[in-house]
Amino acid sequence: MSEVKKKIWPGGFEAVASGKKKFEFRLADFDVKEGDTLVLEEWDPATKQYTGRKIEKKVGYVQKFGLDDYGQRRELEEKGFYIIQLE
């Protein structure tokens, strides 16, 4: 199991910290797997500095997909994505 550190902007940080947001949507430019620890470090885009606040979360599930995995590249590029949290 690994520790993966990633930047997160203040709004996203607050949503994770409050427990409201229970997912991350990220570019798959790093390795992550179930059981890893995701360390989210708050980044202030205005100052271009870390704030010093961090949250550690255990990774429960990971699904990686490409834009055309389901034959919908054009539609995804045109309409975007939803990430839906199930409760």
Protein backbone atom coordinates (compact mmCIF):
# COMPACT_ATOMS: atom_id res chain seq x y z
CA MET A 1 0.00 0.00 0.00
CA SER A 2 1.25 3.44 -0.95
CA GLU A 3 0.70 7.03 0.05
CA VAL A 4 -0.29 9.29 -2.84
CA LYS A 5 -0.12 13.08 -2.40
CA LYS A 6 -2.24 15.36 -4.59
CA LYS A 7 -3.18 19.05 -4.62
CA ILE A 8 -6.78 20.03 -3.98
CA TRP A 9 -8.26 23.51 -4.26
CA PRO A 10 -9.98 25.09 -1.21
CA GLY A 11 -13.59 24.39 -2.28
CA GLY A 12 -12.87 20.72 -2.87
CA PHE A 13 -10.88 20.51 0.34
CA GLU A 14 -13.79 21.91 2.37
CA ALA A 15 -16.27 19.51 0.74
CA VAL A 16 -14.04 16.51 1.59
CA ALA A 17 -13.30 17.80 5.10
CA SER A 18 -17.02 18.22 5.86
CA GLY A 19 -17.77 14.70 4.65
CA LYS A 20 -20.07 15.91 1.86
CA LYS A 21 -17.72 14.90 -0.97
CA LYS A 22 -16.72 11.23 -0.97
CA PHE A 23 -15.06 10.91 -4.38
CA GLU A 24 -12.22 12.33 -6.45
CA PHE A 25 -12.19 12.79 -10.23
CA ARG A 26 -8.57 12.95 -11.34
CA LEU A 27 -6.42 12.76 -14.42
CA ALA A 28 -4.91 9.25 -14.37
CA ASP A 29 -1.31 10.50 -14.49
CA PHE A 30 -0.26 8.59 -11.35
CA ASP A 31 -0.58 5.10 -9.91
CA VAL A 32 -3.24 4.46 -7.27
CA LYS A 33 -4.98 1.32 -6.09
CA GLU A 34 -7.46 0.14 -3.49
CA GLY A 35 -5.98 0.28 -0.02
CA ASP A 36 -3.62 3.19 -0.78
CA THR A 37 -3.81 6.39 1.25
CA LEU A 38 -4.71 9.52 -0.69
CA VAL A 39 -3.25 12.62 0.97
CA LEU A 40 -5.09 15.71 -0.24
CA GLU A 41 -3.05 18.86 0.36
CA GLU A 42 -4.95 22.14 0.10
CA TRP A 43 -3.54 24.40 -2.62
CA ASP A 44 -4.48 28.06 -2.94
CA PRO A 45 -4.53 28.94 -6.66
CA ALA A 46 -4.48 32.67 -5.87
CA THR A 47 -1.20 32.52 -3.95
CA LYS A 48 0.11 29.42 -5.74
CA GLN A 49 1.06 27.92 -2.39
CA TYR A 50 0.00 25.10 -0.14
CA THR A 51 -2.03 26.24 2.87
CA GLY A 52 -0.64 23.56 5.19
CA ARG A 53 -3.99 21.77 5.57
CA LYS A 54 -4.10 18.07 4.66
CA ILE A 55 -6.64 15.27 4.69
CA GLU A 56 -5.76 11.59 4.51
CA LYS A 57 -8.32 9.18 3.04
CA LYS A 58 -8.09 5.46 2.37
CA VAL A 59 -8.80 4.54 -1.25
CA GLY A 60 -11.75 2.16 -1.39
CA TYR A 61 -12.34 1.78 -5.13
CA VAL A 62 -10.63 2.93 -8.32
CA GLN A 63 -11.96 2.80 -11.88
CA LYS A 64 -9.86 4.11 -14.72
CA PHE A 65 -11.36 4.73 -18.14
CA GLY A 66 -10.48 6.40 -21.40
CA LEU A 67 -12.63 8.84 -23.33
CA ASP A 68 -13.59 6.25 -25.91
CA ASP A 69 -13.87 3.13 -23.72
CA TYR A 70 -17.63 3.13 -24.24
CA GLY A 71 -17.63 4.50 -27.79
CA GLN A 72 -18.69 7.98 -26.65
CA ARG A 73 -15.62 10.16 -27.12
CA ARG A 74 -17.40 12.79 -29.22
CA GLU A 75 -20.33 13.07 -26.80
CA LEU A 76 -18.04 13.26 -23.76
CA GLU A 77 -15.95 15.99 -25.33
CA GLU A 78 -19.10 17.91 -26.25
CA LYS A 79 -21.18 17.44 -23.08
CA GLY A 80 -18.63 16.72 -20.34
CA PHE A 81 -18.88 14.32 -17.42
CA TYR A 82 -20.93 13.79 -14.31
CA ILE A 83 -19.47 12.12 -11.27
CA ILE A 84 -22.36 10.83 -9.19
CA GLN A 85 -21.96 9.96 -5.54
CA LEU A 86 -24.26 7.19 -4.33
CA GLU A 87 -25.42 7.12 -0.72
